Amino acid sequence: FLISQQRSPAAWTWVWNFLDFSTKSMEVQFFGAVTLHQKLSKSWQEVPQSMRNELKEKLLQKIVEFGGNGTKLVLNRLCMSVSNIKGCKIPVVILNLAFDYS
């Protein structure tokens, strides 16, 4: 069931709720981070061109949030997700800042 949910287009919507570090367990957060990583790796073409910048901004926001408050395991997976975004140009300096807070 979980694998089919990860592969569904609806995962682009619910994954952000799973990445709420204030209300979700670390296991749920990690599942959300793994799902996002896989979606970016295998289903980037599902994201409409007009929504891609918003998705990049959300991901960067989550990296900053987890850098200050979240677990390193989830933060690591989120940072790995950046590499799966084709054409993403998030500066390395910003990613380093996220790690400096952990």
PDB file of N, CA and C in Angstrom:
ATOM      1  N   PHE A   1       0.818  -1.196   0.000  1.00  0.00           N
ATOM      2  CA  PHE A   1       0.000   0.000   0.000  1.00  0.00           C
ATOM      3  C   PHE A   1       0.865   1.263   0.000  1.00  0.00           C
ATOM      4  N   LEU A   2       1.882   1.311   0.861  1.00  0.00           N
ATOM      5  CA  LEU A   2       2.721   2.503   0.953  1.00  0.00           C
ATOM      6  C   LEU A   2       3.497   2.756  -0.341  1.00  0.00           C
ATOM      7  N   ILE A   3       3.979   1.690  -0.955  1.00  0.00           N
ATOM      8  CA  ILE A   3       4.733   1.845  -2.202  1.00  0.00           C
ATOM      9  C   ILE A   3       3.824   2.411  -3.290  1.00  0.00           C
ATOM     10  N   SER A   4       2.605   1.926  -3.373  1.00  0.00           N
ATOM     11  CA  SER A   4       1.683   2.442  -4.392  1.00  0.00           C
ATOM     12  C   SER A   4       1.343   3.907  -4.129  1.00  0.00           C
ATOM     13  N   GLN A   5       1.264   4.285  -2.867  1.00  0.00           N
ATOM     14  CA  GLN A   5       1.009   5.686  -2.535  1.00  0.00           C
ATOM     15  C   GLN A   5       2.198   6.566  -2.916  1.00  0.00           C
ATOM     16  N   GLN A   6       3.406   6.057  -2.709  1.00  0.00           N
ATOM     17  CA  GLN A   6       4.599   6.808  -3.090  1.00  0.00           C
ATOM     18  C   GLN A   6       4.631   7.064  -4.595  1.00  0.00           C
ATOM     19  N   ARG A   7       4.180   6.108  -5.358  1.00  0.00           N
ATOM     20  CA  ARG A   7       4.237   6.212  -6.817  1.00  0.00           C
ATOM     21  C   ARG A   7       3.098   7.024  -7.410  1.00  0.00           C
ATOM     22  N   SER A   8       2.069   7.274  -6.637  1.00  0.00           N
ATOM     23  CA  SER A   8       0.906   7.979  -7.171  1.00  0.00           C
ATOM     24  C   SER A   8       1.194   9.472  -7.341  1.00  0.00           C
ATOM     25  N   PRO A   9       0.560  10.118  -8.324  1.00  0.00           N
ATOM     26  CA  PRO A   9       0.728  11.567  -8.493  1.00  0.00           C
ATOM     27  C   PRO A   9       0.275  12.363  -7.263  1.00  0.00           C
ATOM     28  N   ALA A  10      -0.619  11.803  -6.468  1.00  0.00           N
ATOM     29  CA  ALA A  10      -1.098  12.488  -5.262  1.00  0.00           C
ATOM     30  C   ALA A  10       0.008  12.679  -4.227  1.00  0.00           C
ATOM     31  N   ALA A  11       1.078  11.911  -4.335  1.00  0.00           N
ATOM     32  CA  ALA A  11       2.183  12.025  -3.371  1.00  0.00           C
ATOM     33  C   ALA A  11       2.794  13.418  -3.382  1.00  0.00           C
ATOM     34  N   TRP A  12       2.747  14.105  -4.522  1.00  0.00           N
ATOM     35  CA  TRP A  12       3.287  15.469  -4.583  1.00  0.00           C
ATOM     36  C   TRP A  12       2.569  16.389  -3.602  1.00  0.00           C
ATOM     37  N   THR A  13       1.338  16.066  -3.269  1.00  0.00           N
ATOM     38  CA  THR A  13       0.551  16.896  -2.358  1.00  0.00           C
ATOM     39  C   THR A  13       0.755  16.494  -0.902  1.00  0.00           C
ATOM     40  N   TRP A  14       0.584  15.210  -0.576  1.00  0.00           N
ATOM     41  CA  TRP A  14       0.629  14.797   0.828  1.00  0.00           C
ATOM     42  C   TRP A  14       2.034  14.739   1.410  1.00  0.00           C
ATOM     43  N   VAL A  15       3.052  14.663   0.555  1.00  0.00           N
ATOM     44  CA  VAL A  15       4.413  14.529   1.069  1.00  0.00           C
ATOM     45  C   VAL A  15       4.796  15.694   1.990  1.00  0.00           C
ATOM     46  N   TRP A  16       4.303  16.883   1.704  1.00  0.00           N
ATOM     47  CA  TRP A  16       4.666  18.053   2.515  1.00  0.00           C
ATOM     48  C   TRP A  16       4.088  17.952   3.923  1.00  0.00           C
ATOM     49  N   ASN A  17       2.909  17.349   4.060  1.00  0.00           N
ATOM     50  CA  ASN A  17       2.329  17.151   5.392  1.00  0.00           C
ATOM     51  C   ASN A  17       3.161  16.173   6.216  1.00  0.00           C
ATOM     52  N   PHE A  18       3.750  15.189   5.559  1.00  0.00           N
ATOM     53  CA  PHE A  18       4.581  14.217   6.259  1.00  0.00           C
ATOM     54  C   PHE A  18       5.882  14.840   6.753  1.00  0.00           C
ATOM     55  N   LEU A  19       6.280  15.948   6.164  1.00  0.00           N
ATOM     56  CA  LEU A  19       7.540  16.598   6.519  1.00  0.00           C
ATOM     57  C   LEU A  19       7.366  17.692   7.575  1.00  0.00           C
ATOM     58  N   ASP A  20       6.309  17.613   8.336  1.00  0.00           N
ATOM     59  CA  ASP A  20       6.064  18.576   9.417  1.00  0.00           C
ATOM     60  C   ASP A  20       6.737  18.049  10.682  1.00  0.00           C
ATOM     61  N   PHE A  21       7.886  18.639  11.031  1.00  0.00           N
ATOM     62  CA  PHE A  21       8.652  18.105  12.166  1.00  0.00           C
ATOM     63  C   PHE A  21       8.012  18.398  13.518  1.00  0.00           C
ATOM     64  N   SER A  22       7.059  19.324  13.557  1.00  0.00           N
ATOM     65  CA  SER A  22       6.454  19.662  14.847  1.00  0.00           C
ATOM     66  C   SER A  22       5.324  18.706  15.234  1.00  0.00           C
ATOM     67  N   THR A  23       4.744  18.008  14.251  1.00  0.00           N
ATOM     68  CA  THR A  23       3.613  17.142  14.580  1.00  0.00           C
ATOM     69  C   THR A  23       3.787  15.686  14.145  1.00  0.00           C
ATOM     70  N   LYS A  24       4.792  15.395  13.347  1.00  0.00           N
ATOM     71  CA  LYS A  24       4.971  14.037  12.830  1.00  0.00           C
ATOM     72  C   LYS A  24       6.175  13.367  13.473  1.00  0.00           C
ATOM     73  N   SER A  25       6.086  12.056  13.612  1.00  0.00           N
ATOM     74  CA  SER A  25       7.212  11.297  14.165  1.00  0.00           C
ATOM     75  C   SER A  25       8.366  11.292  13.165  1.00  0.00           C
ATOM     76  N   MET A  26       9.549  10.975  13.647  1.00  0.00           N
ATOM     77  CA  MET A  26      10.721  10.916  12.779  1.00  0.00           C
ATOM     78  C   MET A  26      10.525   9.895  11.667  1.00  0.00           C
ATOM     79  N   GLU A  27       9.856   8.783  11.967  1.00  0.00           N
ATOM     80  CA  GLU A  27       9.626   7.752  10.962  1.00  0.00           C
ATOM     81  C   GLU A  27       8.735   8.268   9.830  1.00  0.00           C
ATOM     82  N   VAL A  28       7.699   9.017  10.184  1.00  0.00           N
ATOM     83  CA  VAL A  28       6.793   9.594   9.184  1.00  0.00           C
ATOM     84  C   VAL A  28       7.544  10.643   8.363  1.00  0.00           C
ATOM     85  N   GLN A  29       8.341  11.464   9.026  1.00  0.00           N
ATOM     86  CA  GLN A  29       9.139  12.469   8.327  1.00  0.00           C
ATOM     87  C   GLN A  29      10.094  11.804   7.338  1.00  0.00           C
ATOM     88  N   PHE A  30      10.737  10.729   7.782  1.00  0.00           N
ATOM     89  CA  PHE A  30      11.686  10.043   6.907  1.00  0.00           C
ATOM     90  C   PHE A  30      10.970   9.435   5.708  1.00  0.00           C
ATOM     91  N   PHE A  31       9.808   8.844   5.936  1.00  0.00           N
ATOM     92  CA  PHE A  31       9.031   8.304   4.821  1.00  0.00           C
ATOM     93  C   PHE A  31       8.681   9.419   3.837  1.00  0.00           C
ATOM     94  N   GLY A  32       8.320  10.577   4.346  1.00  0.00           N
ATOM     95  CA  GLY A  32       8.032  11.720   3.481  1.00  0.00           C
ATOM     96  C   GLY A  32       9.252  12.143   2.690  1.00  0.00           C
ATOM     97  N   ALA A  33      10.408  12.187   3.345  1.00  0.00           N
ATOM     98  CA  ALA A  33      11.646  12.586   2.678  1.00  0.00           C
ATOM     99  C   ALA A  33      12.054  11.565   1.613  1.00  0.00           C
ATOM    100  N   VAL A  34      11.916  10.290   1.920  1.00  0.00           N
ATOM    101  CA  VAL A  34      12.239   9.240   0.950  1.00  0.00           C
ATOM    102  C   VAL A  34      11.273   9.326  -0.239  1.00  0.00           C
ATOM    103  N   THR A  35      10.014   9.555   0.051  1.00  0.00           N
ATOM    104  CA  THR A  35       9.021   9.681  -1.017  1.00  0.00           C
ATOM    105  C   THR A  35       9.365  10.853  -1.929  1.00  0.00           C
ATOM    106  N   LEU A  36       9.685  11.996  -1.340  1.00  0.00           N
ATOM    107  CA  LEU A  36      10.037  13.165  -2.142  1.00  0.00           C
ATOM    108  C   LEU A  36      11.280  12.878  -2.991  1.00  0.00           C
ATOM    109  N   HIS A  37      12.270  12.253  -2.393  1.00  0.00           N
ATOM    110  CA  HIS A  37      13.492  11.899  -3.113  1.00  0.00           C
ATOM    111  C   HIS A  37      13.172  11.011  -4.315  1.00  0.00           C
ATOM    112  N   GLN A  38      12.344   9.990  -4.116  1.00  0.00           N
ATOM    113  CA  GLN A  38      11.981   9.078  -5.200  1.00  0.00           C
ATOM    114  C   GLN A  38      11.139   9.759  -6.264  1.00  0.00           C
ATOM    115  N   LYS A  39      10.213  10.609  -5.833  1.00  0.00           N
ATOM    116  CA  LYS A  39       9.366  11.320  -6.805  1.00  0.00           C
ATOM    117  C   LYS A  39      10.224  12.233  -7.677  1.00  0.00           C
ATOM    118  N   LEU A  40      11.159  12.931  -7.075  1.00  0.00           N
ATOM    119  CA  LEU A  40      12.031  13.813  -7.844  1.00  0.00           C
ATOM    120  C   LEU A  40      12.934  13.021  -8.783  1.00  0.00           C
ATOM    121  N   SER A  41      13.327  11.851  -8.342  1.00  0.00           N
ATOM    122  CA  SER A  41      14.211  11.013  -9.139  1.00  0.00           C
ATOM    123  C   SER A  41      13.495  10.364 -10.322  1.00  0.00           C
ATOM    124  N   LYS A  42      12.281   9.907 -10.088  1.00  0.00           N
ATOM    125  CA  LYS A  42      11.600   9.086 -11.098  1.00  0.00           C
ATOM    126  C   LYS A  42      10.394   9.741 -11.753  1.00  0.00           C
ATOM    127  N   SER A  43       9.872  10.810 -11.168  1.00  0.00           N
ATOM    128  CA  SER A  43       8.611  11.362 -11.665  1.00  0.00           C
ATOM    129  C   SER A  43       8.652  12.882 -11.842  1.00  0.00           C
ATOM    130  N   TRP A  44       9.818  13.431 -12.038  1.00  0.00           N
ATOM    131  CA  TRP A  44       9.948  14.886 -12.203  1.00  0.00           C
ATOM    132  C   TRP A  44       9.058  15.401 -13.332  1.00  0.00           C
ATOM    133  N   GLN A  45       8.899  14.590 -14.374  1.00  0.00           N
ATOM    134  CA  GLN A  45       8.091  14.991 -15.522  1.00  0.00           C
ATOM    135  C   GLN A  45       6.614  15.178 -15.166  1.00  0.00           C
ATOM    136  N   GLU A  46       6.173  14.649 -14.033  1.00  0.00           N
ATOM    137  CA  GLU A  46       4.784  14.849 -13.589  1.00  0.00           C
ATOM    138  C   GLU A  46       4.524  16.279 -13.115  1.00  0.00           C
ATOM    139  N   VAL A  47       5.584  16.975 -12.732  1.00  0.00           N
ATOM    140  CA  VAL A  47       5.429  18.325 -12.195  1.00  0.00           C
ATOM    141  C   VAL A  47       5.283  19.299 -13.366  1.00  0.00           C
ATOM    142  N   PRO A  48       4.169  20.021 -13.417  1.00  0.00           N
ATOM    143  CA  PRO A  48       4.017  21.008 -14.497  1.00  0.00           C
ATOM    144  C   PRO A  48       5.127  22.054 -14.422  1.00  0.00           C
ATOM    145  N   GLN A  49       5.564  22.501 -15.560  1.00  0.00           N
ATOM    146  CA  GLN A  49       6.635  23.503 -15.634  1.00  0.00           C
ATOM    147  C   GLN A  49       6.325  24.707 -14.747  1.00  0.00           C
ATOM    148  N   SER A  50       5.063  25.104 -14.711  1.00  0.00           N
ATOM    149  CA  SER A  50       4.665  26.286 -13.937  1.00  0.00           C
ATOM    150  C   SER A  50       4.766  26.081 -12.426  1.00  0.00           C
ATOM    151  N   MET A  51       4.870  24.831 -11.965  1.00  0.00           N
ATOM    152  CA  MET A  51       4.931  24.533 -10.532  1.00  0.00           C
ATOM    153  C   MET A  51       6.339  24.173 -10.051  1.00  0.00           C
ATOM    154  N   ARG A  52       7.269  24.072 -10.943  1.00  0.00           N
ATOM    155  CA  ARG A  52       8.605  23.594 -10.571  1.00  0.00           C
ATOM    156  C   ARG A  52       9.354  24.545  -9.641  1.00  0.00           C
ATOM    157  N   ASN A  53       9.251  25.832  -9.884  1.00  0.00           N
ATOM    158  CA  ASN A  53       9.931  26.776  -8.989  1.00  0.00           C
ATOM    159  C   ASN A  53       9.338  26.733  -7.592  1.00  0.00           C
ATOM    160  N   GLU A  54       8.026  26.602  -7.504  1.00  0.00           N
ATOM    161  CA  GLU A  54       7.372  26.507  -6.194  1.00  0.00           C
ATOM    162  C   GLU A  54       7.850  25.258  -5.451  1.00  0.00           C
ATOM    163  N   LEU A  55       7.975  24.154  -6.160  1.00  0.00           N
ATOM    164  CA  LEU A  55       8.448  22.916  -5.541  1.00  0.00           C
ATOM    165  C   LEU A  55       9.880  23.086  -5.042  1.00  0.00           C
ATOM    166  N   LYS A  56      10.724  23.722  -5.828  1.00  0.00           N
ATOM    167  CA  LYS A  56      12.113  23.956  -5.402  1.00  0.00           C
ATOM    168  C   LYS A  56      12.147  24.821  -4.142  1.00  0.00           C
ATOM    169  N   GLU A  57      11.306  25.847  -4.106  1.00  0.00           N
ATOM    170  CA  GLU A  57      11.262  26.726  -2.937  1.00  0.00           C
ATOM    171  C   GLU A  57      10.784  25.982  -1.698  1.00  0.00           C
ATOM    172  N   LYS A  58       9.771  25.128  -1.866  1.00  0.00           N
ATOM    173  CA  LYS A  58       9.282  24.330  -0.726  1.00  0.00           C
ATOM    174  C   LYS A  58      10.382  23.412  -0.205  1.00  0.00           C
ATOM    175  N   LEU A  59      11.098  22.786  -1.123  1.00  0.00           N
ATOM    176  CA  LEU A  59      12.172  21.887  -0.712  1.00  0.00           C
ATOM    177  C   LEU A  59      13.250  22.656   0.042  1.00  0.00           C
ATOM    178  N   LEU A  60      13.639  23.794  -0.468  1.00  0.00           N
ATOM    179  CA  LEU A  60      14.649  24.608   0.212  1.00  0.00           C
ATOM    180  C   LEU A  60      14.158  25.034   1.593  1.00  0.00           C
ATOM    181  N   GLN A  61      12.893  25.412   1.690  1.00  0.00           N
ATOM    182  CA  GLN A  61      12.318  25.796   2.982  1.00  0.00           C
ATOM    183  C   GLN A  61      12.394  24.632   3.973  1.00  0.00           C
ATOM    184  N   LYS A  62      12.074  23.440   3.516  1.00  0.00           N
ATOM    185  CA  LYS A  62      12.134  22.268   4.394  1.00  0.00           C
ATOM    186  C   LYS A  62      13.570  21.971   4.825  1.00  0.00           C
ATOM    187  N   ILE A  63      14.528  22.153   3.919  1.00  0.00           N
ATOM    188  CA  ILE A  63      15.931  21.928   4.274  1.00  0.00           C
ATOM    189  C   ILE A  63      16.350  22.896   5.375  1.00  0.00           C
ATOM    190  N   VAL A  64      15.964  24.138   5.247  1.00  0.00           N
ATOM    191  CA  VAL A  64      16.300  25.131   6.272  1.00  0.00           C
ATOM    192  C   VAL A  64      15.611  24.783   7.593  1.00  0.00           C
ATOM    193  N   GLU A  65      14.332  24.403   7.542  1.00  0.00           N
ATOM    194  CA  GLU A  65      13.602  24.027   8.763  1.00  0.00           C
ATOM    195  C   GLU A  65      14.265  22.847   9.455  1.00  0.00           C
ATOM    196  N   PHE A  66      14.572  21.803   8.697  1.00  0.00           N
ATOM    197  CA  PHE A  66      15.175  20.611   9.298  1.00  0.00           C
ATOM    198  C   PHE A  66      16.613  20.862   9.730  1.00  0.00           C
ATOM    199  N   GLY A  67      17.282  21.809   9.068  1.00  0.00           N
ATOM    200  CA  GLY A  67      18.644  22.163   9.476  1.00  0.00           C
ATOM    201  C   GLY A  67      18.684  22.757  10.861  1.00  0.00           C
ATOM    202  N   GLY A  68      17.626  23.462  11.240  1.00  0.00           N
ATOM    203  CA  GLY A  68      17.578  24.086  12.557  1.00  0.00           C
ATOM    204  C   GLY A  68      16.887  23.252  13.610  1.00  0.00           C
ATOM    205  N   ASN A  69      15.930  22.411  13.206  1.00  0.00           N
ATOM    206  CA  ASN A  69      15.092  21.732  14.196  1.00  0.00           C
ATOM    207  C   ASN A  69      14.909  20.229  13.986  1.00  0.00           C
ATOM    208  N   GLY A  70      15.192  19.760  12.805  1.00  0.00           N
ATOM    209  CA  GLY A  70      14.863  18.373  12.488  1.00  0.00           C
ATOM    210  C   GLY A  70      16.002  17.407  12.732  1.00  0.00           C
ATOM    211  N   THR A  71      15.771  16.183  12.331  1.00  0.00           N
ATOM    212  CA  THR A  71      16.783  15.147  12.495  1.00  0.00           C
ATOM    213  C   THR A  71      17.724  15.135  11.297  1.00  0.00           C
ATOM    214  N   LYS A  72      18.955  14.746  11.539  1.00  0.00           N
ATOM    215  CA  LYS A  72      19.957  14.707  10.475  1.00  0.00           C
ATOM    216  C   LYS A  72      19.586  13.689   9.401  1.00  0.00           C
ATOM    217  N   LEU A  73      18.964  12.606   9.781  1.00  0.00           N
ATOM    218  CA  LEU A  73      18.587  11.568   8.829  1.00  0.00           C
ATOM    219  C   LEU A  73      17.628  12.127   7.774  1.00  0.00           C
ATOM    220  N   VAL A  74      16.630  12.862   8.223  1.00  0.00           N
ATOM    221  CA  VAL A  74      15.651  13.458   7.303  1.00  0.00           C
ATOM    222  C   VAL A  74      16.311  14.590   6.513  1.00  0.00           C
ATOM    223  N   LEU A  75      17.096  15.406   7.177  1.00  0.00           N
ATOM    224  CA  LEU A  75      17.792  16.501   6.503  1.00  0.00           C
ATOM    225  C   LEU A  75      18.687  15.966   5.393  1.00  0.00           C
ATOM    226  N   ASN A  76      19.406  14.906   5.667  1.00  0.00           N
ATOM    227  CA  ASN A  76      20.279  14.296   4.675  1.00  0.00           C
ATOM    228  C   ASN A  76      19.488  13.882   3.439  1.00  0.00           C
ATOM    229  N   ARG A  77      18.354  13.251   3.640  1.00  0.00           N
ATOM    230  CA  ARG A  77      17.540  12.788   2.512  1.00  0.00           C
ATOM    231  C   ARG A  77      16.982  13.978   1.724  1.00  0.00           C
ATOM    232  N   LEU A  78      16.609  15.035   2.416  1.00  0.00           N
ATOM    233  CA  LEU A  78      16.116  16.228   1.725  1.00  0.00           C
ATOM    234  C   LEU A  78      17.219  16.856   0.881  1.00  0.00           C
ATOM    235  N   CYS A  79      18.409  16.920   1.430  1.00  0.00           N
ATOM    236  CA  CYS A  79      19.535  17.489   0.670  1.00  0.00           C
ATOM    237  C   CYS A  79      19.867  16.620  -0.540  1.00  0.00           C
ATOM    238  N   MET A  80      19.778  15.328  -0.377  1.00  0.00           N
ATOM    239  CA  MET A  80      19.995  14.427  -1.507  1.00  0.00           C
ATOM    240  C   MET A  80      18.934  14.651  -2.588  1.00  0.00           C
ATOM    241  N   SER A  81      17.756  15.041  -2.174  1.00  0.00           N
ATOM    242  CA  SER A  81      16.664  15.271  -3.123  1.00  0.00           C
ATOM    243  C   SER A  81      16.970  16.407  -4.080  1.00  0.00           C
ATOM    244  N   VAL A  82      17.725  17.384  -3.618  1.00  0.00           N
ATOM    245  CA  VAL A  82      18.078  18.526  -4.474  1.00  0.00           C
ATOM    246  C   VAL A  82      18.784  18.040  -5.732  1.00  0.00           C
ATOM    247  N   SER A  83      19.629  17.042  -5.586  1.00  0.00           N
ATOM    248  CA  SER A  83      20.392  16.546  -6.740  1.00  0.00           C
ATOM    249  C   SER A  83      19.490  15.893  -7.787  1.00  0.00           C
ATOM    250  N   ASN A  84      18.283  15.538  -7.395  1.00  0.00           N
ATOM    251  CA  ASN A  84      17.361  14.909  -8.334  1.00  0.00           C
ATOM    252  C   ASN A  84      16.532  15.908  -9.128  1.00  0.00           C
ATOM    253  N   ILE A  85      16.631  17.168  -8.778  1.00  0.00           N
ATOM    254  CA  ILE A  85      15.870  18.180  -9.509  1.00  0.00           C
ATOM    255  C   ILE A  85      16.687  18.612 -10.712  1.00  0.00           C
ATOM    256  N   LYS A  86      16.181  18.318 -11.872  1.00  0.00           N
ATOM    257  CA  LYS A  86      16.880  18.679 -13.093  1.00  0.00           C
ATOM    258  C   LYS A  86      16.883  20.204 -13.258  1.00  0.00           C
ATOM    259  N   GLY A  87      18.050  20.748 -13.433  1.00  0.00           N
ATOM    260  CA  GLY A  87      18.168  22.183 -13.644  1.00  0.00           C
ATOM    261  C   GLY A  87      18.114  23.007 -12.371  1.00  0.00           C
ATOM    262  N   CYS A  88      18.164  22.352 -11.215  1.00  0.00           N
ATOM    263  CA  CYS A  88      18.102  23.089  -9.960  1.00  0.00           C
ATOM    264  C   CYS A  88      19.439  23.763  -9.694  1.00  0.00           C
ATOM    265  N   LYS A  89      19.368  25.005  -9.303  1.00  0.00           N
ATOM    266  CA  LYS A  89      20.580  25.763  -9.050  1.00  0.00           C
ATOM    267  C   LYS A  89      20.567  26.359  -7.644  1.00  0.00           C
ATOM    268  N   ILE A  90      20.237  25.545  -6.647  1.00  0.00           N
ATOM    269  CA  ILE A  90      20.296  26.000  -5.260  1.00  0.00           C
ATOM    270  C   ILE A  90      21.772  26.057  -4.880  1.00  0.00           C
ATOM    271  N   PRO A  91      22.239  27.218  -4.477  1.00  0.00           N
ATOM    272  CA  PRO A  91      23.677  27.358  -4.177  1.00  0.00           C
ATOM    273  C   PRO A  91      24.124  26.421  -3.066  1.00  0.00           C
ATOM    274  N   VAL A  92      25.328  25.906  -3.218  1.00  0.00           N
ATOM    275  CA  VAL A  92      25.917  25.021  -2.219  1.00  0.00           C
ATOM    276  C   VAL A  92      26.033  25.735  -0.880  1.00  0.00           C
ATOM    277  N   VAL A  93      26.228  27.032  -0.889  1.00  0.00           N
ATOM    278  CA  VAL A  93      26.337  27.811   0.350  1.00  0.00           C
ATOM    279  C   VAL A  93      25.082  27.631   1.198  1.00  0.00           C
ATOM    280  N   ILE A  94      23.919  27.621   0.566  1.00  0.00           N
ATOM    281  CA  ILE A  94      22.661  27.465   1.304  1.00  0.00           C
ATOM    282  C   ILE A  94      22.585  26.075   1.916  1.00  0.00           C
ATOM    283  N   LEU A  95      22.981  25.056   1.170  1.00  0.00           N
ATOM    284  CA  LEU A  95      22.973  23.700   1.720  1.00  0.00           C
ATOM    285  C   LEU A  95      23.952  23.586   2.879  1.00  0.00           C
ATOM    286  N   ASN A  96      25.097  24.233   2.776  1.00  0.00           N
ATOM    287  CA  ASN A  96      26.057  24.218   3.879  1.00  0.00           C
ATOM    288  C   ASN A  96      25.479  24.885   5.117  1.00  0.00           C
ATOM    289  N   LEU A  97      24.729  25.955   4.939  1.00  0.00           N
ATOM    290  CA  LEU A  97      24.084  26.614   6.067  1.00  0.00           C
ATOM    291  C   LEU A  97      23.118  25.670   6.771  1.00  0.00           C
ATOM    292  N   ALA A  98      22.378  24.881   5.984  1.00  0.00           N
ATOM    293  CA  ALA A  98      21.437  23.935   6.576  1.00  0.00           C
ATOM    294  C   ALA A  98      22.177  22.943   7.468  1.00  0.00           C
ATOM    295  N   PHE A  99      23.334  22.474   7.029  1.00  0.00           N
ATOM    296  CA  PHE A  99      24.093  21.520   7.831  1.00  0.00           C
ATOM    297  C   PHE A  99      24.743  22.163   9.033  1.00  0.00           C
ATOM    298  N   ASP A 100      25.097  23.438   8.939  1.00  0.00           N
ATOM    299  CA  ASP A 100      25.706  24.127  10.062  1.00  0.00           C
ATOM    300  C   ASP A 100      24.761  24.226  11.260  1.00  0.00           C
ATOM    301  N   TYR A 101      23.456  24.225  11.021  1.00  0.00           N
ATOM    302  CA  TYR A 101      22.488  24.351  12.104  1.00  0.00           C
ATOM    303  C   TYR A 101      22.143  23.017  12.744  1.00  0.00           C
ATOM    304  N   SER A 102      22.565  21.928  12.145  1.00  0.00           N
ATOM    305  CA  SER A 102      22.193  20.619  12.700  1.00  0.00           C
ATOM    306  C   SER A 102      23.192  20.147  13.725  1.00  0.00           C
TER     307      SER A 102
END
